[in-house]
Amino acid sequence: MDKETISILIIDDHPMFREGLKAILKRDSRYEVVAEAGNGRDGLVAAKDFHPDMALVDISLPDLNGIRLTRDLKQLLPELRVIIVSMHSKIEHIAEAFKAGASGYLVKESASEGLLKGLNNVVRGEYFLDSSVSPTVVESLMNAPLQKGPSRDVDYGTLTPREQEVMRLLAEGLSSREIAEKLFISPKTAENHRANLMKKLNLHSNIELIRYAARLGLIDLDLWIDSGEPL
């Protein structure tokens, strides 16, 4: 990335933390914050409007899982480089972030010391990780299959691709109406997909669906627990 000014999008639901990131970025004149958002959907809109070079993304957002958001951002802007900035430091979160297309992972506690270093590394085309886990380990984790995945679950394999997509969005907390808007289908169609997949999987509540999706590795159950949602 050979540019005099590198544009940055910040996606985090805590205004004070966003202000802190911006204060750090002002230390290096190469970086310019062109947009910020407090949730994933607004972040996607900002990415589409501003076409930033880089995005700083929190994992725990009020509407979208940050790892899923990273996938959506990379699909929207393949050249975008994403750094996850999260309070979570579990290796599982880190591995999934890189698999989703992130170029860096920074724990929030380390942001004041590590943010500019992480950005500089990613600008040079390198991975960045502010922990003791080496890039070699991260690359091996990216290439390794998940211990539990949808392909290993017989019932999940009976779902159509659209039902799988609806299930994942339901597990992330979206309502049928929100899913309909996101997938450009009618609310009734979204409800029908929900009913069909619940029947195929023999699930009887959203809580059961969330736990099932977490077991498959489709979502991170820890994020629901950290958010205070009753499970």
Protein backbone atom coordinates (compact mmCIF):
# COMPACT_ATOMS: atom_id res chain seq x y z
CA MET A 1 0.00 0.00 0.00
CA ASP A 2 2.05 2.88 -1.35
CA LYS A 3 0.02 5.99 -0.53
CA GLU A 4 0.84 9.28 1.16
CA THR A 5 -2.44 9.30 3.08
CA ILE A 6 -4.16 6.13 4.23
CA SER A 7 -7.89 6.43 4.92
CA ILE A 8 -9.36 4.61 7.90
CA LEU A 9 -12.85 3.57 8.94
CA ILE A 10 -13.45 2.89 12.66
CA ILE A 11 -16.32 0.56 13.64
CA ASP A 12 -16.87 0.34 17.40
CA ASP A 13 -19.98 0.89 19.50
CA HIS A 14 -18.19 2.85 22.25
CA PRO A 15 -17.84 6.55 21.31
CA MET A 16 -15.15 7.17 23.91
CA PHE A 17 -13.03 4.31 22.58
CA ARG A 18 -13.42 5.62 19.03
CA GLU A 19 -12.21 9.00 20.26
CA GLY A 20 -9.22 7.29 21.85
CA LEU A 21 -8.34 5.54 18.60
CA LYS A 22 -8.59 8.81 16.69
CA ALA A 23 -6.30 10.51 19.20
CA ILE A 24 -3.70 7.79 18.68
CA LEU A 25 -3.99 8.00 14.90
CA LYS A 26 -3.35 11.75 14.99
CA ARG A 27 0.22 10.95 16.07
CA ASP A 28 0.98 9.82 12.51
CA SER A 29 0.00 12.19 9.70
CA ARG A 30 -0.19 9.34 7.18
CA TYR A 31 -3.43 8.08 8.71
CA GLU A 32 -6.73 9.87 8.24
CA VAL A 33 -10.03 8.78 9.79
CA VAL A 34 -12.61 9.35 7.06
CA ALA A 35 -15.60 7.74 8.77
CA GLU A 36 -16.74 5.99 11.92
CA ALA A 37 -19.71 3.86 12.87
CA GLY A 38 -21.23 2.47 16.05
CA ASN A 39 -22.59 -0.74 14.55
CA GLY A 40 -21.96 -3.15 11.71
CA ARG A 41 -24.67 -2.01 9.35
CA ASP A 42 -23.62 1.62 9.53
CA GLY A 43 -20.06 0.43 9.08
CA LEU A 44 -20.95 -1.33 5.84
CA VAL A 45 -22.70 1.80 4.57
CA ALA A 46 -19.67 3.93 5.45
CA ALA A 47 -17.35 1.47 3.73
CA LYS A 48 -19.46 1.65 0.58
CA ASP A 49 -19.60 5.45 0.69
CA PHE A 50 -15.97 6.23 1.57
CA HIS A 51 -13.98 3.24 0.21
CA PRO A 52 -11.39 3.39 3.02
CA ASP A 53 -8.00 1.74 2.74
CA MET A 54 -8.23 0.20 6.21
CA ALA A 55 -10.86 -0.56 8.83
CA LEU A 56 -10.55 -0.96 12.59
CA VAL A 57 -13.32 -3.32 13.68
CA ASP A 58 -14.52 -4.41 17.11
CA ILE A 59 -15.77 -7.98 17.49
CA SER A 60 -18.61 -7.20 19.93
CA LEU A 61 -21.01 -4.97 18.03
CA PRO A 62 -24.70 -4.50 18.84
CA ASP A 63 -25.97 -5.92 15.55
CA LEU A 64 -23.29 -7.97 13.79
CA ASN A 65 -20.48 -10.18 14.97
CA GLY A 66 -17.27 -8.38 14.02
CA ILE A 67 -15.84 -11.49 12.41
CA ARG A 68 -18.90 -11.82 10.19
CA LEU A 69 -18.66 -8.09 9.51
CA THR A 70 -15.05 -8.56 8.40
CA ARG A 71 -16.21 -11.11 5.83
CA ASP A 72 -18.88 -8.71 4.59
CA LEU A 73 -16.41 -5.84 4.37
CA LYS A 74 -13.92 -7.93 2.43
CA GLN A 75 -16.66 -9.05 0.06
CA LEU A 76 -17.66 -5.44 -0.47
CA LEU A 77 -14.10 -4.11 -0.76
CA PRO A 78 -11.63 -6.94 -1.47
CA GLU A 79 -8.61 -4.62 -1.17
CA LEU A 80 -9.68 -3.32 2.26
CA ARG A 81 -7.32 -4.27 5.07
CA VAL A 82 -9.03 -4.98 8.38
CA ILE A 83 -7.57 -4.92 11.86
CA ILE A 84 -9.71 -6.39 14.61
CA VAL A 85 -9.52 -4.33 17.81
CA SER A 86 -11.13 -6.40 20.55
CA MET A 87 -11.25 -7.06 24.28
CA HIS A 88 -11.11 -10.78 23.48
CA SER A 89 -7.70 -12.45 23.36
CA LYS A 90 -8.67 -16.11 23.03
CA ILE A 91 -6.79 -17.93 20.30
CA GLU A 92 -10.12 -19.12 18.85
CA HIS A 93 -11.21 -15.51 18.25
CA ILE A 94 -7.86 -14.62 16.74
CA ALA A 95 -7.84 -17.60 14.37
CA GLU A 96 -11.39 -16.93 13.20
CA ALA A 97 -10.59 -13.24 12.62
CA PHE A 98 -7.71 -14.11 10.29
CA LYS A 99 -9.78 -16.77 8.53
CA ALA A 100 -12.45 -14.13 7.91
CA GLY A 101 -9.90 -11.97 6.11
CA ALA A 102 -8.45 -9.73 8.82
CA SER A 103 -4.85 -8.64 8.43
CA GLY A 104 -4.29 -7.80 12.08
CA TYR A 105 -5.59 -8.43 15.59
CA LEU A 106 -5.11 -5.98 18.43
CA VAL A 107 -6.35 -6.39 21.99
CA LYS A 108 -7.98 -3.18 23.24
CA GLU A 109 -5.74 -3.02 26.30
CA SER A 110 -2.75 -2.76 23.96
CA ALA A 111 -4.24 -0.17 21.60
CA SER A 112 -2.32 2.83 22.94
CA GLU A 113 1.03 1.08 22.40
CA GLY A 114 0.28 -1.26 19.53
CA LEU A 115 -2.15 0.46 17.17
CA LEU A 116 0.35 2.40 15.05
CA LYS A 117 2.74 -0.53 14.96
CA GLY A 118 -0.09 -2.78 13.80
CA LEU A 119 -1.16 -0.35 11.12
CA ASN A 120 2.41 0.04 9.89
CA ASN A 121 2.84 -3.73 9.65
CA VAL A 122 -0.42 -4.20 7.76
CA VAL A 123 0.41 -1.33 5.38
CA ARG A 124 3.57 -3.23 4.48
CA GLY A 125 1.46 -6.25 3.62
CA GLU A 126 2.27 -8.20 6.78
CA TYR A 127 0.04 -9.82 9.37
CA PHE A 128 -0.01 -8.18 12.77
CA LEU A 129 -0.73 -9.80 16.13
CA ASP A 130 0.05 -8.06 19.41
CA SER A 131 0.40 -11.26 21.43
CA SER A 132 2.99 -13.98 21.86
CA VAL A 133 1.35 -16.04 19.12
CA SER A 134 3.63 -15.92 16.09
CA PRO A 135 2.48 -15.27 12.50
CA THR A 136 3.55 -18.83 11.66
CA VAL A 137 1.08 -20.22 14.20
CA VAL A 138 -1.66 -17.95 12.88
CA GLU A 139 -1.05 -19.13 9.31
CA SER A 140 -1.29 -22.77 10.44
CA LEU A 141 -4.52 -22.00 12.28
CA MET A 142 -5.96 -20.33 9.17
CA ASN A 143 -5.24 -23.43 7.10
CA ALA A 144 -6.46 -25.93 9.69
CA PRO A 145 -10.09 -27.12 9.58
CA LEU A 146 -12.32 -26.30 12.53
CA GLN A 147 -12.68 -29.10 15.05
CA LYS A 148 -16.43 -28.77 14.73
CA GLY A 149 -17.99 -27.48 11.56
CA PRO A 150 -21.17 -27.53 9.54
CA SER A 151 -19.77 -30.09 7.10
CA ARG A 152 -19.55 -32.60 9.95
CA ASP A 153 -23.18 -32.25 11.04
CA VAL A 154 -25.67 -34.43 9.19
CA ASP A 155 -28.74 -32.36 10.07
CA TYR A 156 -27.09 -29.10 9.05
CA GLY A 157 -26.30 -30.67 5.68
CA THR A 158 -30.03 -31.12 5.00
CA LEU A 159 -30.54 -27.34 4.95
CA THR A 160 -30.60 -25.49 1.65
CA PRO A 161 -27.93 -22.80 1.16
CA ARG A 162 -30.57 -20.12 1.80
CA GLU A 163 -31.73 -21.86 4.99
CA GLN A 164 -28.13 -22.04 6.18
CA GLU A 165 -27.76 -18.32 5.56
CA VAL A 166 -30.98 -17.52 7.41
CA MET A 167 -29.95 -19.75 10.30
CA ARG A 168 -26.62 -17.96 10.67
CA LEU A 169 -28.32 -14.56 10.69
CA LEU A 170 -30.90 -15.73 13.22
CA ALA A 171 -28.10 -16.99 15.44
CA GLU A 172 -26.41 -13.60 15.20
CA GLY A 173 -29.54 -12.03 16.65
CA LEU A 174 -31.31 -10.64 13.58
CA SER A 175 -35.10 -10.68 13.44
CA SER A 176 -37.00 -12.15 10.50
CA ARG A 177 -37.76 -8.62 9.26
CA GLU A 178 -34.08 -7.64 9.47
CA ILE A 179 -33.09 -10.84 7.65
CA ALA A 180 -35.65 -10.09 4.95
CA GLU A 181 -34.16 -6.64 4.41
CA LYS A 182 -30.61 -7.97 4.34
CA LEU A 183 -31.36 -10.79 1.89
CA PHE A 184 -33.86 -8.80 -0.21
CA ILE A 185 -36.69 -11.25 0.44
CA SER A 186 -40.13 -10.77 1.98
CA PRO A 187 -40.62 -11.13 5.77
CA LYS A 188 -43.00 -14.02 5.06
CA THR A 189 -40.32 -15.83 3.05
CA ALA A 190 -37.82 -15.28 5.87
CA GLU A 191 -40.34 -16.71 8.36
CA ASN A 192 -40.90 -19.73 6.12
CA HIS A 193 -37.15 -20.38 5.94
CA ARG A 194 -36.96 -20.09 9.72
CA ALA A 195 -39.81 -22.55 10.24
CA ASN A 196 -38.33 -25.04 7.78
CA LEU A 197 -34.83 -24.99 9.24
CA MET A 198 -36.09 -25.25 12.82
CA LYS A 199 -38.13 -28.31 11.83
CA LYS A 200 -35.22 -29.95 9.99
CA LEU A 201 -32.87 -29.39 12.93
CA ASN A 202 -35.50 -30.31 15.55
CA LEU A 203 -34.99 -27.00 17.34
CA HIS A 204 -37.77 -25.33 19.30
CA SER A 205 -36.44 -21.92 20.38
CA ASN A 206 -33.95 -19.23 19.45
CA ILE A 207 -31.82 -20.22 22.44
CA GLU A 208 -31.53 -23.77 21.10
CA LEU A 209 -30.66 -22.39 17.68
CA ILE A 210 -27.93 -20.13 19.10
CA ARG A 211 -26.39 -23.01 21.05
CA TYR A 212 -26.54 -25.26 18.00
CA ALA A 213 -24.88 -22.62 15.80
CA ALA A 214 -22.17 -22.07 18.42
CA ARG A 215 -21.47 -25.80 18.57
CA LEU A 216 -20.95 -25.81 14.81
CA GLY A 217 -18.59 -22.84 15.04
CA LEU A 218 -20.93 -20.54 13.10
CA ILE A 219 -21.03 -17.99 15.91
CA ASP A 220 -19.07 -17.32 19.08
CA LEU A 221 -21.19 -18.20 22.11
CA ASP A 222 -18.81 -16.25 24.37
CA LEU A 223 -19.91 -13.04 22.67
CA TRP A 224 -23.53 -13.68 23.59
CA ILE A 225 -22.53 -14.38 27.17
CA ASP A 226 -20.35 -11.26 27.34
CA SER A 227 -23.21 -9.17 25.97
CA GLY A 228 -25.46 -10.22 28.82
CA GLU A 229 -27.94 -12.09 26.63
CA PRO A 230 -29.71 -14.85 28.59
CA LEU A 231 -28.69 -18.31 27.38
